[in-house]
Amino acid sequence: MSQSRTMSLVEALTNVAVGYGLAVATQAAVFPLVGVEIRTRQMLLVELAFTLVSIVRGYVLRRLFNRLASRGRRHARP
């Protein structure tokens, strides 16, 4: 059974939300260690841009793979 478009979006959003939190925490920990000085607001805005791109990427790839899987099942039937 394939995943609905809505659930594909929910999955992508959840994945990206978790990734966003991890990315912000990682940047907050690593940037000072390597001498990068950036304001918290700037860091959050940069992460927001990457997050939006990631949401679209995750959704499009999920739909593409669902479509490919669906075609494969149709061609595999006797």
PDB file of N, CA and C in Angstrom:
ATOM      1  N   MET A   1       0.846  -1.171   0.000  1.00  0.00           N
ATOM      2  CA  MET A   1       0.000   0.000   0.000  1.00  0.00           C
ATOM      3  C   MET A   1       0.892   1.234   0.000  1.00  0.00           C
ATOM      4  N   SER A   2       0.599   2.184  -0.870  1.00  0.00           N
ATOM      5  CA  SER A   2       1.441   3.374  -0.949  1.00  0.00           C
ATOM      6  C   SER A   2       0.979   4.420   0.060  1.00  0.00           C
ATOM      7  N   GLN A   3       1.875   5.327   0.333  1.00  0.00           N
ATOM      8  CA  GLN A   3       1.618   6.380   1.302  1.00  0.00           C
ATOM      9  C   GLN A   3       0.840   7.503   0.626  1.00  0.00           C
ATOM     10  N   SER A   4      -0.124   8.082   1.328  1.00  0.00           N
ATOM     11  CA  SER A   4      -0.890   9.197   0.769  1.00  0.00           C
ATOM     12  C   SER A   4       0.004  10.434   0.680  1.00  0.00           C
ATOM     13  N   ARG A   5      -0.416  11.371  -0.138  1.00  0.00           N
ATOM     14  CA  ARG A   5       0.345  12.615  -0.285  1.00  0.00           C
ATOM     15  C   ARG A   5       0.411  13.373   1.035  1.00  0.00           C
ATOM     16  N   THR A   6      -0.687  13.371   1.761  1.00  0.00           N
ATOM     17  CA  THR A   6      -0.722  14.067   3.048  1.00  0.00           C
ATOM     18  C   THR A   6       0.273  13.455   4.018  1.00  0.00           C
ATOM     19  N   MET A   7       0.295  12.122   4.084  1.00  0.00           N
ATOM     20  CA  MET A   7       1.232  11.466   4.995  1.00  0.00           C
ATOM     21  C   MET A   7       2.677  11.644   4.531  1.00  0.00           C
ATOM     22  N   SER A   8       2.895  11.735   3.226  1.00  0.00           N
ATOM     23  CA  SER A   8       4.234  12.039   2.721  1.00  0.00           C
ATOM     24  C   SER A   8       4.696  13.394   3.230  1.00  0.00           C
ATOM     25  N   LEU A   9       3.788  14.366   3.197  1.00  0.00           N
ATOM     26  CA  LEU A   9       4.121  15.699   3.676  1.00  0.00           C
ATOM     27  C   LEU A   9       4.347  15.687   5.185  1.00  0.00           C
ATOM     28  N   VAL A  10       3.494  14.991   5.928  1.00  0.00           N
ATOM     29  CA  VAL A  10       3.665  14.899   7.386  1.00  0.00           C
ATOM     30  C   VAL A  10       5.009  14.264   7.726  1.00  0.00           C
ATOM     31  N   GLU A  11       5.360  13.200   7.023  1.00  0.00           N
ATOM     32  CA  GLU A  11       6.650  12.544   7.260  1.00  0.00           C
ATOM     33  C   GLU A  11       7.808  13.489   6.969  1.00  0.00           C
ATOM     34  N   ALA A  12       7.739  14.181   5.835  1.00  0.00           N
ATOM     35  CA  ALA A  12       8.806  15.110   5.467  1.00  0.00           C
ATOM     36  C   ALA A  12       8.927  16.237   6.487  1.00  0.00           C
ATOM     37  N   LEU A  13       7.804  16.791   6.927  1.00  0.00           N
ATOM     38  CA  LEU A  13       7.834  17.867   7.918  1.00  0.00           C
ATOM     39  C   LEU A  13       8.413  17.405   9.249  1.00  0.00           C
ATOM     40  N   THR A  14       8.024  16.212   9.673  1.00  0.00           N
ATOM     41  CA  THR A  14       8.556  15.670  10.927  1.00  0.00           C
ATOM     42  C   THR A  14      10.055  15.452  10.826  1.00  0.00           C
ATOM     43  N   ASN A  15      10.478  14.859   9.725  1.00  0.00           N
ATOM     44  CA  ASN A  15      11.899  14.615   9.502  1.00  0.00           C
ATOM     45  C   ASN A  15      12.682  15.922   9.521  1.00  0.00           C
ATOM     46  N   VAL A  16      12.160  16.940   8.866  1.00  0.00           N
ATOM     47  CA  VAL A  16      12.855  18.211   8.786  1.00  0.00           C
ATOM     48  C   VAL A  16      12.834  18.938  10.135  1.00  0.00           C
ATOM     49  N   ALA A  17      11.744  18.847  10.873  1.00  0.00           N
ATOM     50  CA  ALA A  17      11.674  19.493  12.187  1.00  0.00           C
ATOM     51  C   ALA A  17      12.733  18.922  13.129  1.00  0.00           C
ATOM     52  N   VAL A  18      12.859  17.614  13.120  1.00  0.00           N
ATOM     53  CA  VAL A  18      13.894  16.976  13.951  1.00  0.00           C
ATOM     54  C   VAL A  18      15.276  17.398  13.465  1.00  0.00           C
ATOM     55  N   GLY A  19      15.467  17.391  12.153  1.00  0.00           N
ATOM     56  CA  GLY A  19      16.749  17.806  11.581  1.00  0.00           C
ATOM     57  C   GLY A  19      17.071  19.257  11.893  1.00  0.00           C
ATOM     58  N   TYR A  20      16.059  20.112  11.871  1.00  0.00           N
ATOM     59  CA  TYR A  20      16.252  21.532  12.179  1.00  0.00           C
ATOM     60  C   TYR A  20      16.774  21.699  13.602  1.00  0.00           C
ATOM     61  N   GLY A  21      16.120  21.033  14.530  1.00  0.00           N
ATOM     62  CA  GLY A  21      16.560  21.119  15.924  1.00  0.00           C
ATOM     63  C   GLY A  21      17.984  20.625  16.111  1.00  0.00           C
ATOM     64  N   LEU A  22      18.302  19.507  15.474  1.00  0.00           N
ATOM     65  CA  LEU A  22      19.665  18.978  15.564  1.00  0.00           C
ATOM     66  C   LEU A  22      20.682  19.905  14.912  1.00  0.00           C
ATOM     67  N   ALA A  23      20.315  20.488  13.784  1.00  0.00           N
ATOM     68  CA  ALA A  23      21.230  21.393  13.089  1.00  0.00           C
ATOM     69  C   ALA A  23      21.508  22.645  13.911  1.00  0.00           C
ATOM     70  N   VAL A  24      20.476  23.220  14.503  1.00  0.00           N
ATOM     71  CA  VAL A  24      20.665  24.421  15.319  1.00  0.00           C
ATOM     72  C   VAL A  24      21.550  24.096  16.524  1.00  0.00           C
ATOM     73  N   ALA A  25      21.272  22.990  17.181  1.00  0.00           N
ATOM     74  CA  ALA A  25      22.083  22.593  18.345  1.00  0.00           C
ATOM     75  C   ALA A  25      23.528  22.324  17.941  1.00  0.00           C
ATOM     76  N   THR A  26      23.709  21.657  16.806  1.00  0.00           N
ATOM     77  CA  THR A  26      25.064  21.352  16.332  1.00  0.00           C
ATOM     78  C   THR A  26      25.813  22.633  15.985  1.00  0.00           C
ATOM     79  N   GLN A  27      25.146  23.541  15.276  1.00  0.00           N
ATOM     80  CA  GLN A  27      25.796  24.805  14.930  1.00  0.00           C
ATOM     81  C   GLN A  27      26.162  25.599  16.181  1.00  0.00           C
ATOM     82  N   ALA A  28      25.270  25.639  17.149  1.00  0.00           N
ATOM     83  CA  ALA A  28      25.540  26.382  18.382  1.00  0.00           C
ATOM     84  C   ALA A  28      26.745  25.809  19.114  1.00  0.00           C
ATOM     85  N   ALA A  29      26.939  24.499  18.997  1.00  0.00           N
ATOM     86  CA  ALA A  29      28.070  23.863  19.668  1.00  0.00           C
ATOM     87  C   ALA A  29      29.363  23.952  18.856  1.00  0.00           C
ATOM     88  N   VAL A  30      29.261  23.800  17.542  1.00  0.00           N
ATOM     89  CA  VAL A  30      30.460  23.694  16.707  1.00  0.00           C
ATOM     90  C   VAL A  30      30.992  25.050  16.252  1.00  0.00           C
ATOM     91  N   PHE A  31      30.128  25.972  15.902  1.00  0.00           N
ATOM     92  CA  PHE A  31      30.597  27.257  15.384  1.00  0.00           C
ATOM     93  C   PHE A  31      31.625  27.931  16.291  1.00  0.00           C
ATOM     94  N   PRO A  32      31.366  28.036  17.599  1.00  0.00           N
ATOM     95  CA  PRO A  32      32.371  28.674  18.457  1.00  0.00           C
ATOM     96  C   PRO A  32      33.703  27.914  18.491  1.00  0.00           C
ATOM     97  N   LEU A  33      33.651  26.613  18.329  1.00  0.00           N
ATOM     98  CA  LEU A  33      34.877  25.808  18.349  1.00  0.00           C
ATOM     99  C   LEU A  33      35.760  26.077  17.140  1.00  0.00           C
ATOM    100  N   VAL A  34      35.167  26.488  16.027  1.00  0.00           N
ATOM    101  CA  VAL A  34      35.942  26.741  14.808  1.00  0.00           C
ATOM    102  C   VAL A  34      36.061  28.235  14.511  1.00  0.00           C
ATOM    103  N   GLY A  35      35.666  29.070  15.453  1.00  0.00           N
ATOM    104  CA  GLY A  35      35.853  30.507  15.316  1.00  0.00           C
ATOM    105  C   GLY A  35      34.809  31.229  14.490  1.00  0.00           C
ATOM    106  N   VAL A  36      33.674  30.606  14.223  1.00  0.00           N
ATOM    107  CA  VAL A  36      32.607  31.260  13.476  1.00  0.00           C
ATOM    108  C   VAL A  36      31.722  32.020  14.459  1.00  0.00           C
ATOM    109  N   GLU A  37      31.620  33.322  14.223  1.00  0.00           N
ATOM    110  CA  GLU A  37      30.767  34.142  15.066  1.00  0.00           C
ATOM    111  C   GLU A  37      29.535  34.531  14.252  1.00  0.00           C
ATOM    112  N   ILE A  38      28.391  34.149  14.729  1.00  0.00           N
ATOM    113  CA  ILE A  38      27.141  34.452  14.041  1.00  0.00           C
ATOM    114  C   ILE A  38      26.070  34.682  15.107  1.00  0.00           C
ATOM    115  N   ARG A  39      25.247  35.663  14.851  1.00  0.00           N
ATOM    116  CA  ARG A  39      24.170  35.949  15.794  1.00  0.00           C
ATOM    117  C   ARG A  39      23.124  34.838  15.723  1.00  0.00           C
ATOM    118  N   THR A  40      22.468  34.619  16.833  1.00  0.00           N
ATOM    119  CA  THR A  40      21.444  33.574  16.905  1.00  0.00           C
ATOM    120  C   THR A  40      20.363  33.790  15.855  1.00  0.00           C
ATOM    121  N   ARG A  41      19.927  35.016  15.673  1.00  0.00           N
ATOM    122  CA  ARG A  41      18.884  35.308  14.688  1.00  0.00           C
ATOM    123  C   ARG A  41      19.351  34.961  13.275  1.00  0.00           C
ATOM    124  N   GLN A  42      20.585  35.289  12.963  1.00  0.00           N
ATOM    125  CA  GLN A  42      21.138  34.965  11.643  1.00  0.00           C
ATOM    126  C   GLN A  42      21.200  33.451  11.448  1.00  0.00           C
ATOM    127  N   MET A  43      21.643  32.748  12.475  1.00  0.00           N
ATOM    128  CA  MET A  43      21.749  31.299  12.393  1.00  0.00           C
ATOM    129  C   MET A  43      20.370  30.680  12.157  1.00  0.00           C
ATOM    130  N   LEU A  44      19.372  31.174  12.864  1.00  0.00           N
ATOM    131  CA  LEU A  44      18.026  30.635  12.710  1.00  0.00           C
ATOM    132  C   LEU A  44      17.451  30.928  11.323  1.00  0.00           C
ATOM    133  N   LEU A  45      17.738  32.099  10.774  1.00  0.00           N
ATOM    134  CA  LEU A  45      17.264  32.433   9.426  1.00  0.00           C
ATOM    135  C   LEU A  45      17.924  31.567   8.356  1.00  0.00           C
ATOM    136  N   VAL A  46      19.216  31.334   8.502  1.00  0.00           N
ATOM    137  CA  VAL A  46      19.921  30.451   7.559  1.00  0.00           C
ATOM    138  C   VAL A  46      19.332  29.052   7.643  1.00  0.00           C
ATOM    139  N   GLU A  47      19.131  28.564   8.845  1.00  0.00           N
ATOM    140  CA  GLU A  47      18.547  27.237   9.029  1.00  0.00           C
ATOM    141  C   GLU A  47      17.130  27.169   8.472  1.00  0.00           C
ATOM    142  N   LEU A  48      16.368  28.233   8.610  1.00  0.00           N
ATOM    143  CA  LEU A  48      15.010  28.255   8.061  1.00  0.00           C
ATOM    144  C   LEU A  48      15.040  28.094   6.541  1.00  0.00           C
ATOM    145  N   ALA A  49      15.963  28.777   5.882  1.00  0.00           N
ATOM    146  CA  ALA A  49      16.091  28.651   4.423  1.00  0.00           C
ATOM    147  C   ALA A  49      16.408  27.207   4.042  1.00  0.00           C
ATOM    148  N   PHE A  50      17.378  26.612   4.720  1.00  0.00           N
ATOM    149  CA  PHE A  50      17.728  25.218   4.435  1.00  0.00           C
ATOM    150  C   PHE A  50      16.574  24.275   4.763  1.00  0.00           C
ATOM    151  N   THR A  51      15.832  24.597   5.794  1.00  0.00           N
ATOM    152  CA  THR A  51      14.696  23.768   6.184  1.00  0.00           C
ATOM    153  C   THR A  51      13.618  23.768   5.111  1.00  0.00           C
ATOM    154  N   LEU A  52      13.306  24.929   4.570  1.00  0.00           N
ATOM    155  CA  LEU A  52      12.296  25.006   3.511  1.00  0.00           C
ATOM    156  C   LEU A  52      12.719  24.200   2.286  1.00  0.00           C
ATOM    157  N   VAL A  53      13.979  24.312   1.915  1.00  0.00           N
ATOM    158  CA  VAL A  53      14.495  23.528   0.788  1.00  0.00           C
ATOM    159  C   VAL A  53      14.406  22.033   1.107  1.00  0.00           C
ATOM    160  N   SER A  54      14.705  21.666   2.327  1.00  0.00           N
ATOM    161  CA  SER A  54      14.665  20.273   2.736  1.00  0.00           C
ATOM    162  C   SER A  54      13.245  19.709   2.719  1.00  0.00           C
ATOM    163  N   ILE A  55      12.272  20.508   3.110  1.00  0.00           N
ATOM    164  CA  ILE A  55      10.876  20.062   3.081  1.00  0.00           C
ATOM    165  C   ILE A  55      10.465  19.738   1.651  1.00  0.00           C
ATOM    166  N   VAL A  56      10.755  20.643   0.747  1.00  0.00           N
ATOM    167  CA  VAL A  56      10.393  20.420  -0.658  1.00  0.00           C
ATOM    168  C   VAL A  56      11.133  19.204  -1.204  1.00  0.00           C
ATOM    169  N   ARG A  57      12.419  19.110  -0.925  1.00  0.00           N
ATOM    170  CA  ARG A  57      13.217  17.970  -1.391  1.00  0.00           C
ATOM    171  C   ARG A  57      12.658  16.651  -0.876  1.00  0.00           C
ATOM    172  N   GLY A  58      12.365  16.576   0.399  1.00  0.00           N
ATOM    173  CA  GLY A  58      11.854  15.340   0.987  1.00  0.00           C
ATOM    174  C   GLY A  58      10.514  14.928   0.402  1.00  0.00           C
ATOM    175  N   TYR A  59       9.646  15.904   0.207  1.00  0.00           N
ATOM    176  CA  TYR A  59       8.322  15.616  -0.348  1.00  0.00           C
ATOM    177  C   TYR A  59       8.424  15.142  -1.795  1.00  0.00           C
ATOM    178  N   VAL A  60       9.193  15.856  -2.603  1.00  0.00           N
ATOM    179  CA  VAL A  60       9.329  15.492  -4.016  1.00  0.00           C
ATOM    180  C   VAL A  60       9.956  14.116  -4.165  1.00  0.00           C
ATOM    181  N   LEU A  61      10.996  13.840  -3.415  1.00  0.00           N
ATOM    182  CA  LEU A  61      11.641  12.523  -3.511  1.00  0.00           C
ATOM    183  C   LEU A  61      10.709  11.405  -3.058  1.00  0.00           C
ATOM    184  N   ARG A  62       9.954  11.636  -2.001  1.00  0.00           N
ATOM    185  CA  ARG A  62       9.012  10.624  -1.516  1.00  0.00           C
ATOM    186  C   ARG A  62       7.971  10.319  -2.585  1.00  0.00           C
ATOM    187  N   ARG A  63       7.418  11.366  -3.196  1.00  0.00           N
ATOM    188  CA  ARG A  63       6.406  11.160  -4.248  1.00  0.00           C
ATOM    189  C   ARG A  63       7.018  10.459  -5.462  1.00  0.00           C
ATOM    190  N   LEU A  64       8.234  10.824  -5.828  1.00  0.00           N
ATOM    191  CA  LEU A  64       8.910  10.185  -6.948  1.00  0.00           C
ATOM    192  C   LEU A  64       9.102   8.700  -6.695  1.00  0.00           C
ATOM    193  N   PHE A  65       9.596   8.352  -5.527  1.00  0.00           N
ATOM    194  CA  PHE A  65       9.827   6.941  -5.222  1.00  0.00           C
ATOM    195  C   PHE A  65       8.519   6.173  -5.098  1.00  0.00           C
ATOM    196  N   ASN A  66       7.472   6.812  -4.577  1.00  0.00           N
ATOM    197  CA  ASN A  66       6.162   6.148  -4.548  1.00  0.00           C
ATOM    198  C   ASN A  66       5.670   5.880  -5.959  1.00  0.00           C
ATOM    199  N   ARG A  67       5.863   6.836  -6.847  1.00  0.00           N
ATOM    200  CA  ARG A  67       5.442   6.666  -8.239  1.00  0.00           C
ATOM    201  C   ARG A  67       6.236   5.540  -8.907  1.00  0.00           C
ATOM    202  N   LEU A  68       7.548   5.527  -8.688  1.00  0.00           N
ATOM    203  CA  LEU A  68       8.382   4.467  -9.263  1.00  0.00           C
ATOM    204  C   LEU A  68       7.987   3.094  -8.721  1.00  0.00           C
ATOM    205  N   ALA A  69       7.711   3.018  -7.438  1.00  0.00           N
ATOM    206  CA  ALA A  69       7.294   1.748  -6.836  1.00  0.00           C
ATOM    207  C   ALA A  69       5.961   1.305  -7.402  1.00  0.00           C
ATOM    208  N   SER A  70       5.060   2.244  -7.602  1.00  0.00           N
ATOM    209  CA  SER A  70       3.746   1.931  -8.149  1.00  0.00           C
ATOM    210  C   SER A  70       3.863   1.404  -9.575  1.00  0.00           C
ATOM    211  N   ARG A  71       4.700   2.007 -10.376  1.00  0.00           N
ATOM    212  CA  ARG A  71       4.916   1.530 -11.748  1.00  0.00           C
ATOM    213  C   ARG A  71       5.527   0.141 -11.759  1.00  0.00           C
ATOM    214  N   GLY A  72       6.457  -0.094 -10.848  1.00  0.00           N
ATOM    215  CA  GLY A  72       7.086  -1.411 -10.762  1.00  0.00           C
ATOM    216  C   GLY A  72       6.099  -2.496 -10.405  1.00  0.00           C
ATOM    217  N   ARG A  73       5.160  -2.190  -9.522  1.00  0.00           N
ATOM    218  CA  ARG A  73       4.138  -3.186  -9.142  1.00  0.00           C
ATOM    219  C   ARG A  73       3.196  -3.470 -10.301  1.00  0.00           C
ATOM    220  N   ARG A  74       2.872  -2.448 -11.078  1.00  0.00           N
ATOM    221  CA  ARG A  74       1.976  -2.664 -12.222  1.00  0.00           C
ATOM    222  C   ARG A  74       2.629  -3.530 -13.283  1.00  0.00           C
ATOM    223  N   HIS A  75       3.919  -3.323 -13.535  1.00  0.00           N
ATOM    224  CA  HIS A  75       4.616  -4.092 -14.568  1.00  0.00           C
ATOM    225  C   HIS A  75       4.958  -5.505 -14.105  1.00  0.00           C
ATOM    226  N   ALA A  76       4.973  -5.731 -12.819  1.00  0.00           N
ATOM    227  CA  ALA A  76       5.345  -7.050 -12.291  1.00  0.00           C
ATOM    228  C   ALA A  76       4.186  -8.023 -12.266  1.00  0.00           C
ATOM    229  N   ARG A  77       2.979  -7.536 -12.436  1.00  0.00           N
ATOM    230  CA  ARG A  77       1.801  -8.425 -12.382  1.00  0.00           C
ATOM    231  C   ARG A  77       1.732  -9.295 -13.622  1.00  0.00           C
ATOM    232  N   PRO A  78       1.353 -10.575 -13.454  1.00  0.00           N
ATOM    233  CA  PRO A  78       1.273 -11.472 -14.614  1.00  0.00           C
ATOM    234  C   PRO A  78       0.050 -11.193 -15.470  1.00  0.00           C
TER     235      PRO A  78
END
